[in-house]
Amino acid sequence: MSVTIHPSAIVDEGAQIGEGSRVWHFVHVCGGARVGKNVSMGQNVFIGNKVTIGDNCKIQNNVSVYDNVHLEDGVFCGPSMVFTNVYNPRSLIERKSEYRDTLVKKGATLGANCTVVCGVQIGEFAFVGAGAVINKDVRPYALMVGVPARHIGWMSEFGEQLDLPLTGDAETVCSHTGDKYVLSGGVLSKA
């Protein structure tokens, strides 16, 4: 298996792109980028120099993954969602030395047109709804919606909302997979 690169894409010398990845129309991958296997980069995607992208990620059309953003395996970036890397940008003030790291953990979904303000961590299999604005850390499996985003529920690894309270102790089973999930002290984990 090899890498598929559309003729209109630009992949700078030094970029590492894993086997089976697809680089579609008008994508630009900078030379310092590290992209895993089986990654799909849709039309008009930009990947910065100081970026790591794990295996099996899907980066939909019109997404820019700027320096200091790191995606673990299986992250979904919906169409036109936004990452930032400077917390307080000004055109007249140089702040490249102030980039804040953003980490999106394994299996998380970032919905279409959502915004992730830099310096946060989004937990494993979290689900950020379309148009939400994330400005603080997100717990694993949390369902986040709104501006600013608020925690309204829990999601399974399958991508379905679980019937659980936001807090307390409880457990449930995913109706699609049979996987058991345990909520304890405000933290959800798969048993």
N, C-alpha and C. Protein backbone atom coordinates (compact mmCIF):
# COMPACT_ATOMS: atom_id res chain seq x y z
N MET A 1 0.85 -1.18 0.00
CA MET A 1 0.00 0.00 0.00
C MET A 1 0.89 1.24 0.00
N SER A 2 0.45 2.27 -0.69
CA SER A 2 1.24 3.49 -0.76
C SER A 2 0.39 4.68 -0.34
N VAL A 3 0.95 5.86 -0.45
CA VAL A 3 0.25 7.10 -0.13
C VAL A 3 -0.34 7.66 -1.42
N THR A 4 -1.60 8.08 -1.37
CA THR A 4 -2.25 8.71 -2.52
C THR A 4 -2.18 10.22 -2.33
N ILE A 5 -1.56 10.91 -3.30
CA ILE A 5 -1.43 12.37 -3.23
C ILE A 5 -1.99 12.97 -4.51
N HIS A 6 -3.03 13.78 -4.37
CA HIS A 6 -3.64 14.44 -5.53
C HIS A 6 -2.63 15.40 -6.16
N PRO A 7 -2.62 15.55 -7.49
CA PRO A 7 -1.65 16.44 -8.15
C PRO A 7 -1.71 17.90 -7.68
N SER A 8 -2.86 18.35 -7.18
CA SER A 8 -2.96 19.75 -6.72
C SER A 8 -2.43 19.94 -5.30
N ALA A 9 -2.12 18.86 -4.59
CA ALA A 9 -1.64 18.96 -3.21
C ALA A 9 -0.16 19.32 -3.18
N ILE A 10 0.26 19.95 -2.09
CA ILE A 10 1.67 20.28 -1.86
C ILE A 10 2.11 19.55 -0.60
N VAL A 11 3.10 18.68 -0.74
CA VAL A 11 3.69 17.99 0.40
C VAL A 11 5.16 18.41 0.43
N ASP A 12 5.51 19.23 1.43
CA ASP A 12 6.88 19.75 1.51
C ASP A 12 7.88 18.64 1.82
N GLU A 13 9.10 18.83 1.36
CA GLU A 13 10.16 17.88 1.62
C GLU A 13 10.36 17.72 3.11
N GLY A 14 10.47 16.47 3.55
CA GLY A 14 10.66 16.17 4.97
C GLY A 14 9.40 15.71 5.67
N ALA A 15 8.23 15.98 5.09
CA ALA A 15 6.98 15.53 5.71
C ALA A 15 6.95 14.00 5.72
N GLN A 16 6.46 13.44 6.81
CA GLN A 16 6.32 11.99 6.92
C GLN A 16 4.83 11.66 6.89
N ILE A 17 4.45 10.83 5.93
CA ILE A 17 3.06 10.42 5.78
C ILE A 17 3.02 8.90 5.68
N GLY A 18 2.24 8.27 6.56
CA GLY A 18 2.20 6.82 6.64
C GLY A 18 1.45 6.16 5.50
N GLU A 19 1.72 4.87 5.33
CA GLU A 19 1.10 4.07 4.27
C GLU A 19 -0.41 4.13 4.33
N GLY A 20 -1.02 4.11 3.16
CA GLY A 20 -2.46 4.07 3.05
C GLY A 20 -3.14 5.41 3.25
N SER A 21 -2.35 6.45 3.52
CA SER A 21 -2.95 7.78 3.72
C SER A 21 -3.32 8.39 2.38
N ARG A 22 -4.33 9.29 2.43
CA ARG A 22 -4.83 9.94 1.23
C ARG A 22 -4.78 11.46 1.43
N VAL A 23 -4.14 12.13 0.48
CA VAL A 23 -3.97 13.59 0.52
C VAL A 23 -4.74 14.14 -0.67
N TRP A 24 -5.88 14.79 -0.41
CA TRP A 24 -6.77 15.18 -1.49
C TRP A 24 -6.50 16.58 -2.02
N HIS A 25 -7.41 17.12 -2.79
CA HIS A 25 -7.25 18.37 -3.54
C HIS A 25 -6.81 19.54 -2.66
N PHE A 26 -5.81 20.27 -3.11
CA PHE A 26 -5.38 21.54 -2.51
C PHE A 26 -4.95 21.43 -1.06
N VAL A 27 -4.47 20.26 -0.65
CA VAL A 27 -3.93 20.07 0.70
C VAL A 27 -2.50 20.57 0.72
N HIS A 28 -2.06 21.13 1.88
CA HIS A 28 -0.66 21.50 2.07
C HIS A 28 -0.18 20.85 3.36
N VAL A 29 0.83 19.99 3.25
CA VAL A 29 1.46 19.34 4.40
C VAL A 29 2.87 19.90 4.51
N CYS A 30 3.16 20.58 5.63
CA CYS A 30 4.48 21.19 5.83
C CYS A 30 5.54 20.13 6.13
N GLY A 31 6.79 20.48 5.91
CA GLY A 31 7.90 19.54 5.98
C GLY A 31 8.14 18.89 7.33
N GLY A 32 7.74 19.53 8.41
CA GLY A 32 7.97 18.97 9.74
C GLY A 32 6.84 18.09 10.23
N ALA A 33 5.76 17.97 9.48
CA ALA A 33 4.58 17.22 9.92
C ALA A 33 4.86 15.73 9.99
N ARG A 34 4.23 15.07 10.95
CA ARG A 34 4.31 13.62 11.11
C ARG A 34 2.89 13.08 11.08
N VAL A 35 2.56 12.37 10.00
CA VAL A 35 1.20 11.88 9.77
C VAL A 35 1.25 10.35 9.74
N GLY A 36 0.34 9.72 10.47
CA GLY A 36 0.33 8.27 10.57
C GLY A 36 -0.24 7.56 9.36
N LYS A 37 -0.54 6.29 9.54
CA LYS A 37 -1.07 5.42 8.48
C LYS A 37 -2.58 5.60 8.33
N ASN A 38 -3.05 5.41 7.10
CA ASN A 38 -4.49 5.40 6.80
C ASN A 38 -5.19 6.67 7.25
N VAL A 39 -4.55 7.80 7.07
CA VAL A 39 -5.13 9.10 7.40
C VAL A 39 -5.73 9.70 6.13
N SER A 40 -6.94 10.26 6.24
CA SER A 40 -7.56 10.93 5.11
C SER A 40 -7.54 12.43 5.38
N MET A 41 -6.96 13.19 4.45
CA MET A 41 -6.92 14.64 4.53
C MET A 41 -7.74 15.19 3.37
N GLY A 42 -8.92 15.72 3.67
CA GLY A 42 -9.85 16.20 2.65
C GLY A 42 -9.39 17.47 1.97
N GLN A 43 -10.21 17.94 1.05
CA GLN A 43 -9.89 19.12 0.24
C GLN A 43 -9.57 20.33 1.12
N ASN A 44 -8.50 21.05 0.75
CA ASN A 44 -8.13 22.33 1.36
C ASN A 44 -7.70 22.19 2.82
N VAL A 45 -7.10 21.06 3.19
CA VAL A 45 -6.57 20.86 4.54
C VAL A 45 -5.15 21.42 4.60
N PHE A 46 -4.79 22.01 5.74
CA PHE A 46 -3.43 22.47 6.00
C PHE A 46 -2.90 21.75 7.23
N ILE A 47 -1.68 21.22 7.13
CA ILE A 47 -1.02 20.54 8.24
C ILE A 47 0.31 21.26 8.51
N GLY A 48 0.46 21.84 9.70
CA GLY A 48 1.65 22.61 10.05
C GLY A 48 2.88 21.76 10.31
N ASN A 49 3.99 22.44 10.59
CA ASN A 49 5.28 21.78 10.83
C ASN A 49 5.33 21.00 12.13
N LYS A 50 4.87 21.60 13.21
CA LYS A 50 4.97 21.00 14.54
C LYS A 50 3.65 20.32 14.89
N VAL A 51 3.28 19.35 14.04
CA VAL A 51 2.00 18.65 14.17
C VAL A 51 2.28 17.15 14.10
N THR A 52 1.57 16.40 14.96
CA THR A 52 1.59 14.94 14.84
C THR A 52 0.14 14.47 14.70
N ILE A 53 -0.05 13.54 13.79
CA ILE A 53 -1.37 12.97 13.54
C ILE A 53 -1.23 11.46 13.57
N GLY A 54 -2.01 10.82 14.42
CA GLY A 54 -1.94 9.37 14.58
C GLY A 54 -2.56 8.63 13.42
N ASP A 55 -2.55 7.31 13.52
CA ASP A 55 -3.11 6.45 12.49
C ASP A 55 -4.64 6.58 12.45
N ASN A 56 -5.20 6.34 11.28
CA ASN A 56 -6.65 6.24 11.07
C ASN A 56 -7.44 7.49 11.43
N CYS A 57 -6.84 8.66 11.30
CA CYS A 57 -7.56 9.91 11.53
C CYS A 57 -8.25 10.34 10.24
N LYS A 58 -9.35 11.06 10.40
CA LYS A 58 -10.06 11.64 9.25
C LYS A 58 -10.13 13.15 9.47
N ILE A 59 -9.51 13.89 8.57
CA ILE A 59 -9.51 15.35 8.64
C ILE A 59 -10.29 15.84 7.44
N GLN A 60 -11.51 16.30 7.69
CA GLN A 60 -12.43 16.66 6.62
C GLN A 60 -12.04 17.99 5.97
N ASN A 61 -12.78 18.37 4.93
CA ASN A 61 -12.47 19.56 4.14
C ASN A 61 -12.33 20.82 5.00
N ASN A 62 -11.40 21.68 4.58
CA ASN A 62 -11.23 23.03 5.13
C ASN A 62 -10.80 23.06 6.58
N VAL A 63 -9.99 22.10 7.02
CA VAL A 63 -9.47 22.10 8.39
C VAL A 63 -7.98 22.43 8.34
N SER A 64 -7.56 23.36 9.21
CA SER A 64 -6.14 23.68 9.37
C SER A 64 -5.67 23.16 10.71
N VAL A 65 -4.68 22.26 10.68
CA VAL A 65 -4.09 21.72 11.90
C VAL A 65 -2.78 22.46 12.09
N TYR A 66 -2.82 23.47 12.96
CA TYR A 66 -1.68 24.38 13.14
C TYR A 66 -0.63 23.79 14.07
N ASP A 67 0.55 24.43 14.09
CA ASP A 67 1.65 24.00 14.96
C ASP A 67 1.16 23.81 16.40
N ASN A 68 1.73 22.79 17.04
CA ASN A 68 1.48 22.46 18.44
C ASN A 68 0.13 21.78 18.67
N VAL A 69 -0.52 21.31 17.60
CA VAL A 69 -1.72 20.50 17.72
C VAL A 69 -1.31 19.06 17.46
N HIS A 70 -1.76 18.17 18.35
CA HIS A 70 -1.40 16.76 18.26
C HIS A 70 -2.66 15.91 18.34
N LEU A 71 -2.84 15.05 17.34
CA LEU A 71 -4.00 14.17 17.27
C LEU A 71 -3.53 12.73 17.46
N GLU A 72 -4.11 12.03 18.42
CA GLU A 72 -3.80 10.61 18.60
C GLU A 72 -4.57 9.80 17.55
N ASP A 73 -4.46 8.48 17.61
CA ASP A 73 -5.11 7.60 16.63
C ASP A 73 -6.63 7.78 16.60
N GLY A 74 -7.20 7.69 15.40
CA GLY A 74 -8.64 7.61 15.24
C GLY A 74 -9.42 8.87 15.54
N VAL A 75 -8.79 10.03 15.44
CA VAL A 75 -9.50 11.30 15.68
C VAL A 75 -10.24 11.71 14.41
N PHE A 76 -11.48 12.18 14.58
CA PHE A 76 -12.28 12.69 13.47
C PHE A 76 -12.39 14.20 13.62
N CYS A 77 -11.94 14.93 12.59
CA CYS A 77 -12.05 16.40 12.54
C CYS A 77 -13.09 16.73 11.47
N GLY A 78 -14.26 17.20 11.89
CA GLY A 78 -15.36 17.48 10.97
C GLY A 78 -15.07 18.66 10.06
N PRO A 79 -15.86 18.80 9.00
CA PRO A 79 -15.64 19.85 8.01
C PRO A 79 -15.58 21.24 8.65
N SER A 80 -14.57 22.00 8.26
CA SER A 80 -14.39 23.41 8.63
C SER A 80 -14.26 23.64 10.13
N MET A 81 -13.92 22.59 10.92
CA MET A 81 -13.67 22.84 12.34
C MET A 81 -12.34 23.60 12.46
N VAL A 82 -12.12 24.27 13.61
CA VAL A 82 -11.00 25.19 13.76
C VAL A 82 -10.15 24.85 14.98
N PHE A 83 -8.83 24.79 14.76
CA PHE A 83 -7.86 24.77 15.85
C PHE A 83 -7.21 26.14 15.93
N THR A 84 -6.77 26.53 17.12
CA THR A 84 -5.95 27.73 17.27
C THR A 84 -4.66 27.32 17.96
N ASN A 85 -3.64 28.20 17.94
CA ASN A 85 -2.43 27.89 18.70
C ASN A 85 -1.89 29.08 19.49
N VAL A 86 -2.48 30.24 19.35
CA VAL A 86 -2.13 31.40 20.17
C VAL A 86 -3.41 31.83 20.90
N TYR A 87 -3.30 32.02 22.21
CA TYR A 87 -4.48 32.32 23.02
C TYR A 87 -4.98 33.74 22.83
N ASN A 88 -4.06 34.67 22.67
CA ASN A 88 -4.43 36.09 22.57
C ASN A 88 -3.74 36.75 21.38
N PRO A 89 -4.11 36.36 20.16
CA PRO A 89 -3.40 36.85 18.97
C PRO A 89 -3.62 38.34 18.70
N ARG A 90 -2.57 38.98 18.21
CA ARG A 90 -2.62 40.33 17.68
C ARG A 90 -1.75 40.34 16.43
N SER A 91 -2.22 40.96 15.39
CA SER A 91 -1.45 41.03 14.16
C SER A 91 -0.14 41.79 14.35
N LEU A 92 -0.13 42.78 15.22
CA LEU A 92 1.05 43.63 15.41
C LEU A 92 2.01 43.10 16.47
N ILE A 93 1.69 41.99 17.12
CA ILE A 93 2.54 41.42 18.17
C ILE A 93 2.93 40.00 17.75
N GLU A 94 4.24 39.74 17.69
CA GLU A 94 4.75 38.41 17.34
C GLU A 94 4.60 37.47 18.54
N ARG A 95 3.86 36.37 18.38
CA ARG A 95 3.63 35.46 19.51
C ARG A 95 3.94 34.00 19.15
N LYS A 96 4.80 33.77 18.17
CA LYS A 96 5.12 32.39 17.79
C LYS A 96 5.80 31.62 18.92
N SER A 97 6.43 32.32 19.85
CA SER A 97 7.06 31.64 20.98
C SER A 97 6.05 31.31 22.08
N GLU A 98 4.80 31.72 21.89
CA GLU A 98 3.76 31.51 22.90
C GLU A 98 2.72 30.47 22.48
N TYR A 99 3.02 29.69 21.44
CA TYR A 99 2.07 28.66 21.03
C TYR A 99 1.74 27.76 22.20
N ARG A 100 0.46 27.40 22.34
CA ARG A 100 0.03 26.49 23.39
C ARG A 100 -0.32 25.14 22.77
N ASP A 101 0.10 24.08 23.45
CA ASP A 101 -0.16 22.72 22.95
C ASP A 101 -1.63 22.36 23.10
N THR A 102 -2.14 21.67 22.09
CA THR A 102 -3.49 21.09 22.13
C THR A 102 -3.34 19.61 21.84
N LEU A 103 -3.94 18.78 22.69
CA LEU A 103 -3.87 17.33 22.51
C LEU A 103 -5.29 16.78 22.39
N VAL A 104 -5.53 16.06 21.30
CA VAL A 104 -6.81 15.39 21.10
C VAL A 104 -6.53 13.90 21.19
N LYS A 105 -7.12 13.27 22.19
CA LYS A 105 -6.82 11.87 22.51
C LYS A 105 -7.56 10.90 21.58
N LYS A 106 -7.16 9.66 21.65
CA LYS A 106 -7.63 8.58 20.77
C LYS A 106 -9.15 8.56 20.63
N GLY A 107 -9.61 8.47 19.38
CA GLY A 107 -11.00 8.22 19.08
C GLY A 107 -11.95 9.40 19.24
N ALA A 108 -11.45 10.58 19.60
CA ALA A 108 -12.33 11.73 19.80
C ALA A 108 -12.92 12.21 18.48
N THR A 109 -14.12 12.80 18.56
CA THR A 109 -14.79 13.39 17.40
C THR A 109 -14.95 14.88 17.63
N LEU A 110 -14.53 15.67 16.65
CA LEU A 110 -14.68 17.12 16.68
C LEU A 110 -15.64 17.48 15.55
N GLY A 111 -16.86 17.88 15.90
CA GLY A 111 -17.91 18.10 14.93
C GLY A 111 -17.65 19.27 13.99
N ALA A 112 -18.41 19.30 12.91
CA ALA A 112 -18.29 20.35 11.89
C ALA A 112 -18.39 21.73 12.52
N ASN A 113 -17.52 22.62 12.08
CA ASN A 113 -17.52 24.03 12.49
C ASN A 113 -17.29 24.27 13.97
N CYS A 114 -16.86 23.27 14.73
CA CYS A 114 -16.52 23.54 16.13
C CYS A 114 -15.18 24.26 16.17
N THR A 115 -14.89 24.90 17.31
CA THR A 115 -13.62 25.60 17.52
C THR A 115 -12.97 25.06 18.78
N VAL A 116 -11.68 24.75 18.68
CA VAL A 116 -10.91 24.28 19.83
C VAL A 116 -9.88 25.36 20.15
N VAL A 117 -10.11 26.06 21.27
CA VAL A 117 -9.16 27.10 21.70
C VAL A 117 -7.91 26.39 22.22
N CYS A 118 -6.75 26.91 21.88
CA CYS A 118 -5.48 26.23 22.17
C CYS A 118 -5.25 26.04 23.68
N GLY A 119 -4.41 25.05 23.98
CA GLY A 119 -4.02 24.79 25.35
C GLY A 119 -4.90 23.81 26.09
N VAL A 120 -5.77 23.09 25.37
CA VAL A 120 -6.67 22.14 26.03
C VAL A 120 -6.31 20.71 25.66
N GLN A 121 -6.87 19.79 26.45
CA GLN A 121 -6.79 18.37 26.14
C GLN A 121 -8.21 17.84 26.02
N ILE A 122 -8.45 17.12 24.92
CA ILE A 122 -9.76 16.51 24.69
C ILE A 122 -9.58 15.01 24.90
N GLY A 123 -10.33 14.46 25.84
CA GLY A 123 -10.16 13.08 26.27
C GLY A 123 -10.56 12.04 25.24
N GLU A 124 -10.17 10.80 25.52
CA GLU A 124 -10.44 9.67 24.65
C GLU A 124 -11.94 9.56 24.36
N PHE A 125 -12.27 9.39 23.10
CA PHE A 125 -13.63 9.14 22.63
C PHE A 125 -14.63 10.22 23.04
N ALA A 126 -14.13 11.41 23.39
CA ALA A 126 -15.03 12.54 23.63
C ALA A 126 -15.72 12.89 22.32
N PHE A 127 -16.84 13.59 22.42
CA PHE A 127 -17.63 13.94 21.24
C PHE A 127 -18.01 15.41 21.35
N VAL A 128 -17.45 16.23 20.47
CA VAL A 128 -17.72 17.67 20.45
C VAL A 128 -18.73 17.93 19.34
N GLY A 129 -19.89 18.46 19.70
CA GLY A 129 -20.95 18.70 18.74
C GLY A 129 -20.61 19.80 17.75
N ALA A 130 -21.32 19.80 16.63
CA ALA A 130 -21.11 20.79 15.58
C ALA A 130 -21.30 22.20 16.15
N GLY A 131 -20.35 23.09 15.81
CA GLY A 131 -20.45 24.49 16.19
C GLY A 131 -20.05 24.81 17.62
N ALA A 132 -19.71 23.82 18.42
CA ALA A 132 -19.34 24.07 19.83
C ALA A 132 -18.00 24.79 19.90
N VAL A 133 -17.77 25.49 21.01
CA VAL A 133 -16.49 26.15 21.27
C VAL A 133 -15.89 25.54 22.53
N ILE A 134 -14.77 24.85 22.35
CA ILE A 134 -14.07 24.20 23.47
C ILE A 134 -13.00 25.15 23.98
N ASN A 135 -13.12 25.56 25.25
CA ASN A 135 -12.13 26.47 25.84
C ASN A 135 -11.56 25.93 27.14
N LYS A 136 -11.85 24.66 27.45
CA LYS A 136 -11.26 24.00 28.62
C LYS A 136 -11.16 22.51 28.34
N ASP A 137 -10.42 21.80 29.18
CA ASP A 137 -10.23 20.37 28.98
C ASP A 137 -11.57 19.63 28.95
N VAL A 138 -11.60 18.55 28.17
CA VAL A 138 -12.80 17.73 28.01
C VAL A 138 -12.48 16.33 28.52
N ARG A 139 -13.36 15.81 29.38
CA ARG A 139 -13.17 14.47 29.94
C ARG A 139 -13.38 13.38 28.89
N PRO A 140 -12.76 12.22 29.07
CA PRO A 140 -13.00 11.10 28.16
C PRO A 140 -14.49 10.78 28.07
N TYR A 141 -14.96 10.46 26.87
CA TYR A 141 -16.34 10.05 26.58
C TYR A 141 -17.38 11.16 26.75
N ALA A 142 -16.97 12.37 27.10
CA ALA A 142 -17.92 13.45 27.34
C ALA A 142 -18.54 13.94 26.04
N LEU A 143 -19.84 14.26 26.08
CA LEU A 143 -20.55 14.88 24.97
C LEU A 143 -20.65 16.37 25.29
N MET A 144 -20.06 17.20 24.41
CA MET A 144 -19.96 18.64 24.64
C MET A 144 -20.68 19.38 23.52
N VAL A 145 -21.54 20.36 23.90
CA VAL A 145 -22.24 21.18 22.92
C VAL A 145 -22.31 22.62 23.41
N GLY A 146 -22.51 23.54 22.46
CA GLY A 146 -22.79 24.93 22.81
C GLY A 146 -21.60 25.85 22.78
N VAL A 147 -21.89 27.14 23.08
CA VAL A 147 -20.89 28.20 23.06
C VAL A 147 -21.03 29.01 24.34
N PRO A 148 -20.06 28.93 25.27
CA PRO A 148 -18.98 27.93 25.28
C PRO A 148 -19.56 26.53 25.52
N ALA A 149 -18.78 25.52 25.17
CA ALA A 149 -19.27 24.15 25.26
C ALA A 149 -19.55 23.76 26.71
N ARG A 150 -20.64 23.00 26.87
CA ARG A 150 -20.98 22.46 28.19
C ARG A 150 -21.20 20.95 28.04
N HIS A 151 -20.96 20.26 29.13
CA HIS A 151 -21.07 18.80 29.17
C HIS A 151 -22.53 18.43 29.34
N ILE A 152 -23.11 17.71 28.36
CA ILE A 152 -24.53 17.35 28.45
C ILE A 152 -24.78 15.85 28.49
N GLY A 153 -23.74 15.03 28.36
CA GLY A 153 -23.94 13.59 28.37
C GLY A 153 -22.65 12.84 28.13
N TRP A 154 -22.80 11.55 27.86
CA TRP A 154 -21.67 10.65 27.65
C TRP A 154 -21.88 9.87 26.35
N MET A 155 -20.79 9.59 25.66
CA MET A 155 -20.84 8.85 24.39
C MET A 155 -20.06 7.55 24.49
N SER A 156 -20.56 6.53 23.80
CA SER A 156 -19.83 5.26 23.72
C SER A 156 -18.73 5.36 22.66
N GLU A 157 -17.85 4.39 22.67
CA GLU A 157 -16.82 4.33 21.63
C GLU A 157 -17.44 4.12 20.26
N PHE A 158 -18.64 3.55 20.22
CA PHE A 158 -19.37 3.33 18.97
C PHE A 158 -19.91 4.64 18.41
N GLY A 159 -20.05 5.66 19.27
CA GLY A 159 -20.55 6.96 18.83
C GLY A 159 -22.01 7.19 19.09
N GLU A 160 -22.55 6.52 20.09
CA GLU A 160 -23.95 6.69 20.49
C GLU A 160 -24.01 7.22 21.91
N GLN A 161 -25.02 8.07 22.19
CA GLN A 161 -25.15 8.61 23.53
C GLN A 161 -25.58 7.51 24.50
N LEU A 162 -24.93 7.51 25.67
CA LEU A 162 -25.21 6.51 26.70
C LEU A 162 -26.24 7.06 27.68
N ASP A 163 -27.06 6.19 28.21
CA ASP A 163 -28.09 6.58 29.18
C ASP A 163 -27.46 6.58 30.58
N LEU A 164 -26.80 7.69 30.91
CA LEU A 164 -26.11 7.84 32.19
C LEU A 164 -26.30 9.26 32.71
N PRO A 165 -26.31 9.44 34.03
CA PRO A 165 -26.34 10.80 34.57
C PRO A 165 -24.99 11.48 34.35
N LEU A 166 -24.93 12.80 34.49
CA LEU A 166 -23.66 13.51 34.32
C LEU A 166 -22.70 13.24 35.46
N THR A 167 -23.23 13.03 36.67
CA THR A 167 -22.39 12.82 37.84
C THR A 167 -22.88 11.60 38.61
N GLY A 168 -22.15 11.28 39.66
CA GLY A 168 -22.54 10.15 40.51
C GLY A 168 -21.91 8.86 40.04
N ASP A 169 -22.47 7.77 40.49
CA ASP A 169 -21.98 6.44 40.15
C ASP A 169 -23.10 5.68 39.43
N ALA A 170 -22.78 5.12 38.29
CA ALA A 170 -23.77 4.37 37.51
C ALA A 170 -23.03 3.52 36.48
N GLU A 171 -23.76 2.65 35.85
CA GLU A 171 -23.18 1.86 34.76
C GLU A 171 -24.24 1.56 33.73
N THR A 172 -23.78 1.28 32.51
CA THR A 172 -24.69 0.94 31.42
C THR A 172 -23.95 0.09 30.40
N VAL A 173 -24.72 -0.42 29.44
CA VAL A 173 -24.15 -1.23 28.38
C VAL A 173 -24.52 -0.60 27.05
N CYS A 174 -23.56 -0.51 26.14
CA CYS A 174 -23.81 0.01 24.79
C CYS A 174 -24.68 -1.01 24.04
N SER A 175 -25.82 -0.55 23.54
CA SER A 175 -26.75 -1.45 22.87
C SER A 175 -26.20 -1.98 21.54
N HIS A 176 -25.21 -1.32 20.97
CA HIS A 176 -24.65 -1.75 19.68
C HIS A 176 -23.52 -2.76 19.83
N THR A 177 -22.72 -2.62 20.89
CA THR A 177 -21.53 -3.45 21.01
C THR A 177 -21.55 -4.38 22.22
N GLY A 178 -22.41 -4.08 23.20
CA GLY A 178 -22.43 -4.86 24.42
C GLY A 178 -21.35 -4.46 25.41
N ASP A 179 -20.56 -3.44 25.06
CA ASP A 179 -19.51 -2.97 25.97
C ASP A 179 -20.14 -2.32 27.20
N LYS A 180 -19.54 -2.57 28.36
CA LYS A 180 -20.02 -2.00 29.62
C LYS A 180 -19.23 -0.73 29.94
N TYR A 181 -19.95 0.31 30.38
CA TYR A 181 -19.35 1.57 30.78
C TYR A 181 -19.71 1.85 32.23
N VAL A 182 -18.71 2.34 32.99
CA VAL A 182 -18.89 2.59 34.42
C VAL A 182 -18.57 4.05 34.70
N LEU A 183 -19.54 4.75 35.33
CA LEU A 183 -19.36 6.14 35.76
C LEU A 183 -19.08 6.12 37.25
N SER A 184 -17.95 6.70 37.64
CA SER A 184 -17.57 6.73 39.05
C SER A 184 -16.87 8.05 39.33
N GLY A 185 -17.46 8.83 40.24
CA GLY A 185 -16.85 10.11 40.61
C GLY A 185 -16.74 11.08 39.46
N GLY A 186 -17.68 11.07 38.52
CA GLY A 186 -17.63 12.00 37.39
C GLY A 186 -16.70 11.59 36.28
N VAL A 187 -16.17 10.37 36.37
CA VAL A 187 -15.25 9.87 35.33
C VAL A 187 -15.87 8.61 34.72
N LEU A 188 -15.98 8.59 33.39
CA LEU A 188 -16.53 7.42 32.70
C LEU A 188 -15.39 6.60 32.12
N SER A 189 -15.49 5.29 32.28
CA SER A 189 -14.50 4.39 31.68
C SER A 189 -15.21 3.16 31.14
N LYS A 190 -14.58 2.52 30.19
CA LYS A 190 -15.10 1.28 29.64
C LYS A 190 -14.58 0.14 30.50
N ALA A 191 -15.49 -0.73 30.96
CA ALA A 191 -15.10 -1.84 31.84
C ALA A 191 -14.40 -2.93 31.05
